[in-house]
Protein backbone atom coordinates (compact mmCIF):
# COMPACT_ATOMS: atom_id res chain seq x y z
CA MET A 1 -61.08 -47.02 -137.21
CA HIS A 2 -57.74 -45.23 -135.92
CA ASP A 3 -57.05 -42.12 -134.76
CA GLY A 4 -54.07 -41.32 -137.43
CA SER A 5 -51.60 -40.78 -134.35
CA ARG A 6 -49.74 -43.99 -134.50
CA ALA A 7 -49.57 -46.75 -137.59
CA PRO A 8 -51.33 -49.96 -137.04
CA ILE A 9 -49.58 -52.88 -135.77
CA THR A 10 -49.64 -55.74 -138.29
CA GLU A 11 -47.97 -59.32 -138.70
CA ALA A 12 -45.72 -57.92 -141.21
CA SER A 13 -44.21 -55.32 -138.99
CA LEU A 14 -43.69 -57.39 -136.02
CA PRO A 15 -40.11 -58.85 -136.95
CA SER A 16 -38.75 -55.09 -137.15
CA ILE A 17 -40.32 -54.06 -134.01
CA ARG A 18 -38.80 -57.05 -131.95
CA ARG A 19 -35.14 -56.19 -133.37
CA ALA A 20 -35.31 -52.63 -132.38
CA PHE A 21 -36.49 -53.73 -128.93
CA HIS A 22 -33.95 -56.24 -128.19
CA GLY A 23 -31.24 -53.88 -129.69
CA GLY A 24 -32.10 -51.13 -127.29
CA SER A 25 -32.27 -53.15 -124.27
CA MET A 26 -28.97 -54.33 -125.16
CA LYS A 27 -27.39 -51.20 -125.63
CA ARG A 28 -28.98 -49.77 -122.18
CA ARG A 29 -27.54 -52.85 -120.37
CA SER A 30 -24.07 -51.84 -121.66
CA VAL A 31 -24.06 -48.68 -120.73
CA LEU A 32 -25.31 -49.56 -117.38
CA ALA A 33 -22.67 -52.25 -116.93
CA ALA A 34 -19.95 -49.62 -117.71
CA SER A 35 -21.06 -47.46 -115.20
CA VAL A 36 -20.96 -49.78 -112.31
CA LEU A 37 -17.48 -51.15 -113.55
CA SER A 38 -16.20 -47.43 -113.55
CA ALA A 39 -17.62 -46.98 -109.97
CA ALA A 40 -15.84 -50.17 -108.78
CA LEU A 41 -12.62 -49.17 -110.43
CA VAL A 42 -12.67 -45.97 -108.54
CA VAL A 43 -13.57 -47.09 -105.31
CA SER A 44 -10.46 -49.67 -105.55
CA ALA A 45 -7.99 -47.32 -106.68
CA ALA A 46 -8.96 -44.61 -103.46
CA PRO A 47 -9.48 -46.78 -100.49
CA ALA A 48 -10.57 -45.05 -97.13
CA PRO A 49 -7.99 -43.69 -95.03
CA ALA A 50 -7.00 -45.92 -91.89
CA GLN A 51 -8.24 -44.48 -88.32
CA ALA A 52 -5.08 -43.26 -86.39
CA ALA A 53 -4.18 -45.02 -83.27
CA ASP A 54 -4.36 -42.97 -79.85
CA VAL A 55 -1.51 -41.67 -78.09
CA LEU A 56 -1.18 -41.44 -74.27
CA GLU A 57 2.22 -41.31 -72.68
CA VAL A 58 3.53 -39.99 -69.56
CA ASN A 59 6.93 -38.16 -70.30
CA SER A 60 8.01 -37.21 -66.83
CA ALA A 61 7.39 -36.42 -63.26
CA TYR A 62 9.26 -34.18 -61.13
CA GLY A 63 8.83 -31.72 -58.02
CA SER A 64 8.67 -28.00 -57.76
CA SER A 65 11.93 -26.17 -56.93
CA ALA A 66 9.92 -22.89 -55.79
CA GLY A 67 8.83 -21.76 -52.60
CA ASP A 68 5.90 -24.04 -52.74
CA ARG A 69 7.98 -27.23 -52.33
CA GLY A 70 5.87 -30.38 -52.31
CA ARG A 71 3.90 -30.02 -55.44
CA LEU A 72 4.33 -32.47 -58.03
CA PHE A 73 4.08 -32.36 -61.61
CA VAL A 74 3.52 -34.73 -64.51
CA SER A 75 4.00 -34.45 -68.24
CA ILE A 76 1.38 -36.25 -70.36
CA THR A 77 0.95 -36.55 -74.29
CA SER A 78 -2.29 -37.61 -75.01
CA THR A 79 -4.60 -37.14 -78.34
CA GLN A 80 -7.77 -38.01 -76.19
CA PRO A 81 -8.65 -35.97 -73.01
CA VAL A 82 -7.10 -37.36 -69.72
CA ALA A 83 -9.85 -38.47 -67.64
CA GLU A 84 -7.62 -39.34 -64.55
CA ILE A 85 -3.95 -39.35 -63.24
CA ARG A 86 -2.72 -41.33 -60.27
CA ALA A 87 0.45 -40.89 -58.95
CA GLU A 88 2.37 -42.97 -56.29
CA ILE A 89 5.52 -41.79 -54.48
CA VAL A 90 7.67 -44.21 -52.64
CA ASN A 91 10.88 -44.48 -50.90
CA GLU A 92 14.22 -45.82 -51.89
CA TYR A 93 13.08 -49.33 -51.00
CA GLY A 94 9.67 -49.38 -53.38
CA VAL A 95 7.37 -48.92 -50.16
CA LEU A 96 4.18 -46.55 -50.97
CA ILE A 97 4.32 -43.24 -48.47
CA ALA A 98 2.09 -41.04 -50.54
CA GLN A 99 -0.49 -41.04 -53.43
CA THR A 100 -2.75 -38.71 -55.21
CA SER A 101 -5.41 -38.40 -57.91
CA ASP A 102 -5.73 -34.80 -57.59
CA PHE A 103 -4.28 -32.78 -60.44
CA VAL A 104 -5.00 -29.74 -62.50
CA VAL A 105 -3.76 -28.41 -65.80
CA ASP A 106 -0.49 -26.02 -65.02
CA SER A 107 0.63 -25.45 -68.70
CA GLN A 108 0.13 -26.81 -72.32
CA THR A 109 2.19 -27.01 -75.58
CA PRO A 110 1.30 -28.79 -78.81
CA GLU A 111 3.67 -31.66 -77.53
CA ALA A 112 2.52 -32.06 -74.10
CA THR A 113 0.31 -30.87 -71.06
CA ILE A 114 1.89 -30.43 -67.77
CA TRP A 115 -0.49 -31.53 -64.98
CA ALA A 116 0.14 -30.46 -60.94
CA THR A 117 -1.36 -31.14 -57.71
CA PRO A 118 -2.93 -27.98 -56.64
CA THR A 119 -1.53 -27.86 -53.54
CA PRO A 120 1.98 -29.13 -52.11
CA LEU A 121 1.64 -32.99 -51.02
CA ILE A 122 2.22 -33.49 -46.99
CA PHE A 123 3.77 -36.37 -45.67
CA ASP A 124 6.52 -36.98 -42.97
CA GLU A 125 9.39 -38.92 -44.96
CA LEU A 126 11.86 -36.40 -46.36
CA GLY A 127 14.18 -37.42 -49.45
CA ASP A 128 14.27 -37.82 -53.09
CA HIS A 129 11.21 -40.02 -53.77
CA PRO A 130 10.63 -42.00 -57.30
CA VAL A 131 7.20 -41.25 -58.57
CA HIS A 132 5.25 -44.08 -60.58
CA VAL A 133 2.19 -42.66 -62.91
CA GLU A 134 -0.99 -43.90 -63.98
CA VAL A 135 -3.07 -42.16 -66.57
CA THR A 136 -6.61 -43.19 -68.28
CA ASP A 137 -8.04 -41.17 -70.75
CA THR A 138 -11.73 -40.57 -72.07
CA ALA A 139 -11.58 -43.46 -74.68
CA GLY A 140 -10.65 -45.85 -72.02
CA ASN A 141 -6.81 -46.23 -72.96
CA HIS A 142 -4.66 -46.70 -69.98
CA VAL A 143 -0.76 -46.34 -69.37
CA ARG A 144 1.38 -46.71 -66.35
CA ARG A 145 4.88 -45.54 -66.03
CA ASP A 146 7.12 -46.94 -63.10
CA TRP A 147 9.93 -44.36 -62.17
CA ALA A 148 8.56 -41.51 -64.19
CA GLY A 149 10.80 -39.32 -62.02
CA TRP A 150 11.51 -37.96 -58.68
CA LEU A 151 9.79 -36.00 -56.17
CA ASN A 152 12.62 -33.64 -53.98
CA TYR A 153 10.84 -33.73 -50.76
CA LEU A 154 13.43 -31.62 -49.05
CA VAL A 155 13.94 -28.81 -46.36
CA ALA A 156 14.94 -25.86 -48.30
CA THR A 157 17.54 -23.99 -46.25
CA SER A 158 18.43 -20.59 -45.82
CA LEU A 159 20.98 -18.30 -43.81
CA GLU A 160 19.72 -14.69 -42.20
CA ASP A 161 21.25 -12.08 -40.42
CA VAL A 162 24.77 -13.19 -41.35
CA THR A 163 27.35 -10.35 -40.33
CA ILE A 164 30.92 -10.16 -40.04
CA ASP A 165 33.06 -8.24 -37.35
CA ARG A 166 35.01 -6.30 -40.05
CA SER A 167 35.38 -4.06 -42.77
CA THR A 168 38.73 -4.40 -43.84
CA ILE A 169 41.83 -6.42 -43.02
CA ASP A 170 45.30 -5.79 -42.80
CA TYR A 171 48.54 -7.63 -41.99
CA ASP A 172 47.98 -7.76 -38.01
CA HIS A 173 44.09 -7.83 -38.28
CA ARG A 174 43.10 -10.88 -40.51
CA GLN A 175 40.79 -12.83 -38.12
CA VAL A 176 37.06 -12.30 -39.14
CA THR A 177 34.10 -13.67 -37.18
CA ALA A 178 30.95 -14.54 -38.87
CA ARG A 179 27.49 -14.91 -37.02
CA GLY A 180 24.16 -15.81 -38.36
CA VAL A 181 21.26 -17.97 -38.15
CA LEU A 182 20.39 -21.35 -40.08
CA LYS A 183 16.50 -21.94 -40.82
CA GLY A 184 14.75 -24.33 -43.01
CA ARG A 185 11.40 -24.37 -44.85
CA TRP A 186 9.85 -27.94 -44.53
CA PRO A 187 8.09 -29.27 -47.97
CA GLY A 188 4.30 -29.44 -47.89
CA THR A 189 3.57 -27.25 -44.93
CA GLY A 190 5.93 -24.59 -45.80
CA GLU A 191 6.59 -24.17 -41.74
CA ILE A 192 9.76 -22.23 -41.41
CA ARG A 193 12.10 -23.21 -38.14
CA PRO A 194 15.55 -23.10 -36.83
CA LEU A 195 18.05 -25.84 -37.63
CA ALA A 196 19.77 -27.06 -34.78
CA ASP A 197 23.13 -28.96 -34.22
CA VAL A 198 24.00 -28.96 -37.88
CA PRO A 199 27.38 -27.83 -39.34
CA VAL A 200 27.83 -24.49 -41.00
CA ASP A 201 30.80 -23.81 -43.29
CA ILE A 202 32.89 -20.72 -43.12
CA ASN A 203 35.52 -20.68 -45.62
CA ALA A 204 35.60 -24.29 -45.98
CA GLY A 205 37.67 -24.07 -49.07
CA ASN A 206 40.49 -22.81 -46.93
CA GLY A 207 40.43 -25.76 -44.65
CA SER A 208 38.19 -24.06 -41.83
CA PRO A 209 36.31 -26.60 -39.96
CA PRO A 210 32.66 -26.21 -39.65
CA VAL A 211 30.99 -24.48 -36.99
CA TYR A 212 27.40 -26.02 -35.32
CA THR A 213 24.24 -23.97 -34.58
CA ALA A 214 22.63 -23.76 -31.40
CA ALA A 215 19.25 -24.89 -30.61
CA ASP A 216 18.06 -21.26 -32.06
CA GLY A 217 19.91 -22.05 -35.37
CA SER A 218 22.29 -19.30 -34.56
CA PHE A 219 26.16 -19.77 -35.27
CA THR A 220 29.49 -18.25 -34.65
CA GLY A 221 33.06 -18.89 -36.30
CA THR A 222 36.21 -17.11 -36.93
CA VAL A 223 38.38 -17.91 -39.86
CA THR A 224 42.00 -16.03 -40.54
CA LEU A 225 42.43 -14.79 -44.29
CA TYR A 226 45.40 -15.33 -45.85
CA ALA A 227 47.33 -14.30 -48.95
CA TYR A 228 45.42 -16.28 -51.46
CA GLY A 229 42.13 -15.34 -50.39
CA THR A 230 40.27 -12.41 -48.99
CA GLU A 231 36.70 -13.52 -49.02
CA VAL A 232 34.68 -14.79 -46.24
CA MET A 233 31.70 -17.16 -47.56
CA VAL A 234 29.25 -19.05 -45.30
CA GLN A 235 27.02 -21.55 -46.16
CA TYR A 236 25.22 -24.60 -45.19
CA PRO A 237 26.51 -27.45 -46.93
CA GLY A 238 23.51 -29.53 -47.12
CA SER A 239 22.43 -33.12 -45.98
CA TYR A 240 20.76 -35.35 -48.29
CA GLY A 241 20.72 -38.39 -46.26
CA GLU A 242 18.42 -39.01 -43.16
CA LEU A 243 18.21 -35.11 -42.69
CA GLY A 244 17.11 -34.40 -46.12
CA PHE A 245 17.89 -30.96 -46.21
CA GLU A 246 19.40 -28.86 -49.19
CA GLN A 247 22.36 -26.70 -49.44
CA SER A 248 21.92 -23.07 -48.76
CA GLU A 249 22.76 -20.20 -50.97
CA PRO A 250 26.36 -18.80 -50.03
CA VAL A 251 26.81 -15.53 -48.18
CA ARG A 252 29.98 -13.88 -49.43
CA PHE A 253 31.73 -11.00 -48.19
CA GLN A 254 34.75 -9.36 -49.87
CA LEU A 255 36.94 -7.65 -47.41
CA PRO A 256 39.75 -4.77 -48.85
CA ILE A 257 42.80 -5.39 -47.79
CA VAL A 258 44.97 -2.24 -46.17
CA PRO A 259 48.64 -3.26 -47.02
CA ARG A 260 51.43 -2.57 -44.06
CA GLN A 261 53.29 0.24 -45.52
CA THR A 262 56.85 -0.37 -46.54
CA ARG A 263 59.92 1.98 -47.47
CA VAL A 264 63.12 1.32 -49.65
CA THR A 265 65.88 3.42 -49.68
CA ALA A 266 68.89 3.09 -52.53
CA THR A 267 72.21 4.96 -53.29
CA VAL A 268 75.28 3.98 -55.50
CA ASP A 269 79.00 3.93 -54.61
CA ARG A 270 79.73 6.77 -57.48
CA THR A 271 77.81 8.97 -59.63
CA ARG A 272 80.34 8.93 -62.56
CA VAL A 273 81.88 6.05 -64.20
CA VAL A 274 83.46 5.34 -67.57
CA ALA A 275 81.94 3.07 -69.94
CA GLY A 276 82.38 -0.71 -68.98
CA GLU A 277 82.96 0.35 -65.20
CA THR A 278 80.37 -1.26 -62.64
CA VAL A 279 78.34 0.65 -59.85
CA ARG A 280 77.21 -0.68 -56.58
CA VAL A 281 73.91 0.00 -55.77
CA SER A 282 72.98 -0.84 -52.16
CA GLY A 283 69.80 -0.03 -49.68
CA ARG A 284 67.42 -1.06 -46.93
CA LEU A 285 64.00 -2.22 -47.04
CA SER A 286 61.71 -1.26 -44.18
CA TRP A 287 58.39 -1.58 -43.22
CA ARG A 288 55.61 0.12 -40.58
CA THR A 289 54.88 -2.36 -37.55
CA PRO A 290 52.87 -1.53 -34.95
CA SER A 291 56.01 -0.29 -33.05
CA GLY A 292 57.27 1.58 -35.70
CA TRP A 293 59.48 1.30 -38.65
CA ALA A 294 61.68 -1.71 -38.95
CA PRO A 295 63.66 -3.51 -41.31
CA LEU A 296 62.16 -5.95 -43.58
CA PRO A 297 64.02 -8.99 -43.84
CA ASN A 298 64.70 -12.33 -45.96
CA GLN A 299 62.31 -10.95 -48.96
CA VAL A 300 62.96 -13.32 -51.66
CA PHE A 301 63.47 -11.70 -55.42
CA ALA A 302 62.10 -8.58 -54.09
CA ILE A 303 64.07 -5.66 -55.36
CA HIS A 304 64.16 -4.90 -58.74
CA PHE A 305 66.08 -2.03 -60.60
CA VAL A 306 65.68 -0.15 -64.11
CA LEU A 307 67.99 2.32 -65.56
CA CYS A 308 65.90 5.39 -66.43
CA ASP A 309 66.55 8.80 -68.02
CA ASP A 310 64.36 11.61 -68.57
CA ASN A 311 63.02 10.18 -72.09
CA GLY A 312 61.96 6.91 -70.49
CA CYS A 313 63.50 3.48 -69.02
CA TYR A 314 65.43 0.79 -70.43
CA ASN A 315 68.00 -1.78 -69.04
CA GLN A 316 66.57 -4.13 -65.89
CA TYR A 317 68.76 -5.25 -63.43
CA GLY A 318 67.99 -7.74 -60.61
CA PRO A 319 66.09 -8.88 -58.89
CA VAL A 320 67.99 -9.16 -55.35
CA ASN A 321 66.88 -10.23 -51.73
CA THR A 322 67.01 -8.77 -48.63
CA ASP A 323 69.31 -10.19 -45.68
CA ALA A 324 67.88 -10.33 -41.91
CA LYS A 325 68.53 -6.91 -41.63
CA GLY A 326 66.85 -6.03 -44.69
CA ARG A 327 69.67 -4.84 -46.88
CA PHE A 328 70.64 -5.54 -50.12
CA LYS A 329 73.20 -4.98 -52.69
CA LEU A 330 73.93 -5.44 -56.42
CA ASP A 331 77.04 -4.50 -58.87
CA LEU A 332 75.69 -3.57 -62.09
CA LEU A 333 77.03 -2.22 -65.56
CA PRO A 334 75.02 0.69 -66.43
CA SER A 335 74.50 1.06 -70.40
CA HIS A 336 74.19 4.79 -70.45
CA THR A 337 73.77 7.95 -67.92
CA GLY A 338 70.42 7.66 -66.00
CA PHE A 339 69.24 6.90 -62.69
CA LEU A 340 68.03 3.30 -61.07
CA HIS A 341 64.52 3.21 -60.42
CA THR A 342 64.68 0.77 -57.63
CA SER A 343 61.21 -0.73 -56.20
CA TYR A 344 60.12 -3.54 -53.85
CA SER A 345 57.10 -5.88 -55.28
CA PRO A 346 55.99 -8.01 -52.62
CA LEU A 347 54.17 -11.57 -53.29
CA ASP A 348 51.97 -11.01 -50.22
CA PRO A 349 49.22 -8.67 -50.70
CA PHE A 350 49.24 -7.71 -47.15
CA ILE A 351 52.35 -5.97 -47.61
CA GLY A 352 52.74 -2.70 -49.64
CA GLU A 353 55.01 -1.98 -52.55
CA SER A 354 57.29 0.78 -52.37
CA ALA A 355 59.95 2.77 -54.61
CA THR A 356 62.47 5.13 -54.78
CA GLN A 357 65.53 6.32 -57.21
CA THR A 358 68.99 6.88 -56.90
CA PRO A 359 71.22 9.74 -57.90
CA VAL A 360 71.98 10.02 -61.57
CA VAL A 361 75.01 8.05 -62.74
CA THR A 362 76.92 9.63 -65.62
CA VAL A 363 78.63 7.26 -67.85
CA VAL A 364 81.30 8.72 -70.07
CA PRO A 365 83.24 7.20 -72.89
CA ALA A 366 86.43 5.10 -72.34
CA ASP A 367 88.47 7.54 -74.07
CA ALA A 368 87.69 10.39 -71.46
CA ARG A 369 89.24 8.68 -68.78
CA ARG A 370 91.59 10.94 -67.13
């Protein structure tokens, strides 16, 4: 008996059932194969990105130029955290004189991290020393850079209590005496002590020889100031050789000049001339010496003349020299009525300027001659 929910299978129905079964199976296999092929094509078209290589570089090494001279700084670029830094300080012959692995982060940018020794290094040999650096990161990458930089292990020098014995200078008083003390600050320890038997320059640019410090670092030196310079400059020139001492900052003094007074006189041989006639102007140049007023002799191209009236100044004449007694004269052709402004312009700043004017010279037309 059948329940009526499905048709009975007979011999006559078997061929159609087989066709339906095989046809559906083939269709499902085709869909599955297409899906697998599509996935394979997607994987082939978009390969997985390659793993980027780690970066580990020593950029540079250098010493501090501040008061903590002796600290070592190292610039490192790394994609992995730094595990260890080892620095070797050698002398000019490559002999190891100090080494350290004690570093802390001093500053950081996207490009590099600056590592520094937390305290200054302490050793005996002064000078500019090459630095070799080795770095290892947490991934095990390792790099070494020889001659990564220099550690300037030098004594910083300073001039203290520098004074001079004059506040102004003049023609008769232009020698200046400078005094002071030279001291040095040692790298590493920071110890400050006087520097003995080393040269100190006082106006070295003007050819003055150096003076040498005493046992307590004190020095005294006298220089003479000339027309081309009224500055006193004191400086320790430094010695980067065996001593390893840096140049000091200069100490400068500007001294105002109080010029020696001068006086010029001028007169004309006549105060009325016909147009086209000359006038002789003559006079004398004097200056004030410690013993009183005296002629100022042999001044070259020093006396100048300008013809002026109440409306302004016009023609220029000269210059002329003074003779051995400070006298001068010049024959000139006045272009119109006026007085001659007569001036002395020295080249030496230790001598002052002076000026005067002559009486008015009246120039009349040629047809007014009588």
